[in-house]
Structures are given as C-alpha cells and as structure tokens.
C-alpha cells in the first residue's frame, strides 16, 4: 500500500507532462512537399503566448521540388521561435515551471533575415506553407 501511495505523485507528474507538453515531432527534409531557392523579401513577426510567430515571404529563384511552384512566385512560409522575454520578471509556480521546461525546446532552429538567399524545405498544408520542423532552410548567401 505504501508503495502505491509513493507511485501516485510520480504518476500524476508524468500525466501532467504528457498533457501539457505538446512537443512537435521532428520532420525530415525528405518530407518536404516543396524545395526551392529564393531571396527573403520580408520577415513578419507577431508575439503570441510565449512564441514569436513568423511569416517569411520568399521570392522563388529556382525550384527543385514542388507542384505548381514557379520562378518569380512570392511564397509565404510560417515558422515560430520561443519568445525569450515571455517569462521575464515573472514568478512561476512549480506547475508553471514544469510546463515551461517542457515547452523550452519547442521551437524552430532559426529565421532568415531580409535579403538573404536561402534554400527552403517546406510542406504545403491546406494551401499554406510551413517550414519542415525544425530545420527548414539553409543559408545560400547572406
């Protein structure tokens, strides 16, 4: 009975971890529906719930893979990064600290800058493009 009582808190914590952590599965670049090279035209960012949501507009220069895409197209690609200032100067409960620890690595690896030439690995989902998670582009030229 004592053993069961000792396992209950651990079980609760594991259940909490599973329900609060919505980790995204790592995707392989081979899963990209579209692979192309282009120049970053604009980078838009919006802060939302601890994340920086990005929409990067890229002008297509060459297409390696991707139905319906052609040179000259302007393509918007979505990705996100964790907002480093989200919890700045906040005191967290133990539960909030646990949730934050589980979300900490939930982010793309990076975002290109305007004017850079990049090779993009993206998936088209319902007429929108998402970068392949978490490594969705390579820098070709700064």
Protein backbone atom coordinates (compact mmCIF):
# COMPACT_ATOMS: atom_id res chain seq x y z
CA UNK A 1 0.00 0.00 0.00
CA UNK A 2 2.85 2.37 0.85
CA UNK A 3 4.40 1.58 -2.50
CA UNK A 4 1.21 2.51 -4.31
CA UNK A 5 0.99 5.75 -2.36
CA UNK A 6 4.57 6.58 -3.37
CA UNK A 7 3.84 5.93 -7.05
CA UNK A 8 0.77 8.17 -7.21
CA UNK A 9 2.66 11.51 -7.16
CA UNK A 10 5.06 10.24 -9.82
CA UNK A 11 2.15 9.04 -11.95
CA UNK A 12 0.47 12.42 -11.56
CA UNK A 13 3.59 14.27 -12.67
CA UNK A 14 4.01 12.01 -15.71
CA UNK A 15 0.36 12.51 -16.64
CA UNK A 16 0.78 16.26 -16.25
CA UNK A 17 3.85 16.16 -18.50
CA UNK A 18 2.02 14.23 -21.18
CA UNK A 19 -0.99 16.52 -21.16
CA UNK A 20 0.88 19.84 -21.03
CA UNK A 21 3.76 19.06 -23.40
CA UNK A 22 2.74 19.27 -26.99
CA UNK A 23 6.13 18.52 -28.47
CA UNK A 24 6.23 18.58 -32.18
CA UNK A 25 7.72 15.62 -33.95
CA UNK A 26 10.93 16.26 -35.84
CA UNK A 27 10.34 16.15 -39.58
CA UNK A 28 12.88 15.02 -42.14
CA UNK A 29 13.70 17.25 -45.06
CA UNK A 30 12.67 14.41 -47.37
CA UNK A 31 9.11 15.03 -46.11
CA UNK A 32 9.07 18.47 -47.73
CA UNK A 33 6.46 18.84 -50.46
CA UNK A 34 8.38 21.84 -51.85
CA UNK A 35 12.12 22.51 -52.05
CA UNK A 36 13.28 25.74 -53.66
CA UNK A 37 15.86 28.51 -53.52
CA UNK A 38 14.88 32.14 -53.20
CA UNK A 39 15.51 35.55 -51.72
CA UNK A 40 13.88 36.61 -48.46
CA UNK A 41 11.70 39.59 -49.28
CA UNK A 42 10.07 40.25 -45.89
CA UNK A 43 10.02 38.85 -42.37
CA UNK A 44 6.90 39.47 -40.28
CA UNK A 45 6.71 38.56 -36.59
CA UNK A 46 3.89 38.51 -34.05
CA UNK A 47 4.15 37.66 -30.34
CA UNK A 48 1.65 35.01 -29.18
CA UNK A 49 1.53 33.05 -25.91
CA UNK A 50 5.26 32.71 -25.37
CA UNK A 51 6.18 32.30 -29.01
CA UNK A 52 7.23 34.53 -31.88
CA UNK A 53 5.14 33.55 -34.91
CA UNK A 54 6.93 34.34 -38.17
CA UNK A 55 5.75 34.62 -41.74
CA UNK A 56 8.68 34.84 -44.15
CA UNK A 57 7.99 35.88 -47.73
CA UNK A 58 10.45 34.42 -50.22
CA UNK A 59 10.69 35.20 -53.94
CA UNK A 60 11.35 31.90 -55.75
CA UNK A 61 14.54 31.82 -57.87
CA UNK A 62 14.71 28.08 -58.65
CA UNK A 63 12.52 25.05 -57.93
CA UNK A 64 13.94 21.64 -57.04
CA UNK A 65 10.66 20.05 -55.95
CA UNK A 66 7.08 21.22 -55.69
CA UNK A 67 3.93 21.04 -57.74
CA UNK A 68 2.58 24.35 -59.00
CA UNK A 69 5.56 26.49 -57.94
CA UNK A 70 7.48 28.55 -60.47
CA UNK A 71 10.32 31.08 -60.62
CA UNK A 72 9.14 34.54 -59.59
CA UNK A 73 6.39 33.33 -57.23
CA UNK A 74 6.18 35.01 -53.83
CA UNK A 75 5.76 32.28 -51.20
CA UNK A 76 4.91 32.85 -47.53
CA UNK A 77 6.37 30.32 -45.10
CA UNK A 78 5.33 30.03 -41.45
CA UNK A 79 7.54 29.08 -38.53
CA UNK A 80 7.96 30.05 -34.88
CA UNK A 81 10.56 30.59 -32.19
CA UNK A 82 10.19 30.66 -28.44
CA UNK A 83 9.92 34.22 -27.09
CA UNK A 84 12.94 34.70 -24.79
CA UNK A 85 11.16 37.54 -22.95
CA UNK A 86 7.91 35.64 -22.34
CA UNK A 87 8.61 34.88 -18.68
CA UNK A 88 11.00 37.72 -17.97
CA UNK A 89 10.47 39.12 -14.45
CA UNK A 90 7.66 36.62 -13.70
CA UNK A 91 7.48 34.34 -10.66
CA UNK A 92 6.25 30.88 -11.60
CA UNK A 93 4.60 28.19 -9.53
CA UNK A 94 6.12 24.70 -9.63
CA UNK A 95 3.45 23.61 -12.12
CA UNK A 96 4.19 26.61 -14.38
CA UNK A 97 7.93 25.89 -14.16
CA UNK A 98 7.29 22.30 -15.23
CA UNK A 99 5.14 23.42 -18.17
CA UNK A 100 7.79 25.94 -19.20
CA UNK A 101 10.57 23.36 -19.01
CA UNK A 102 8.61 21.07 -21.30
CA UNK A 103 7.99 23.83 -23.86
CA UNK A 104 11.51 25.26 -23.76
CA UNK A 105 12.86 23.39 -26.78
CA UNK A 106 9.63 23.64 -28.76
CA UNK A 107 10.90 25.91 -31.49
CA UNK A 108 12.32 26.04 -35.00
CA UNK A 109 16.09 26.40 -35.20
CA UNK A 110 16.10 29.87 -36.74
CA UNK A 111 14.68 32.55 -39.01
CA UNK A 112 16.44 34.08 -42.04
CA UNK A 113 16.96 37.82 -42.48
CA UNK A 114 15.56 40.02 -45.22
CA UNK A 115 17.77 39.98 -48.32
CA UNK A 116 19.32 36.58 -47.64
CA UNK A 117 19.23 33.89 -50.29
CA UNK A 118 18.03 30.60 -48.80
CA UNK A 119 17.17 27.05 -49.79
CA UNK A 120 13.73 26.23 -48.37
CA UNK A 121 12.29 22.87 -47.28
CA UNK A 122 8.56 23.34 -46.76
CA UNK A 123 5.35 21.37 -46.50
CA UNK A 124 2.17 22.65 -48.10
CA UNK A 125 -0.76 22.18 -45.74
CA UNK A 126 -4.21 23.46 -46.75
CA UNK A 127 -2.81 25.99 -49.24
CA UNK A 128 -0.25 27.34 -46.73
CA UNK A 129 3.44 26.58 -46.37
CA UNK A 130 5.10 25.55 -43.11
CA UNK A 131 8.82 25.10 -42.80
CA UNK A 132 9.91 21.49 -42.22
CA UNK A 133 10.38 21.26 -38.44
CA UNK A 134 12.84 22.22 -37.01
CA UNK A 135 15.46 22.79 -39.77
CA UNK A 136 13.54 24.35 -42.63
CA UNK A 137 16.19 26.33 -44.52
CA UNK A 138 19.85 26.59 -45.42
CA UNK A 139 21.61 29.89 -45.97
CA UNK A 140 22.90 30.08 -49.56
CA UNK A 141 24.15 33.68 -49.47
CA UNK A 142 23.88 36.47 -46.88
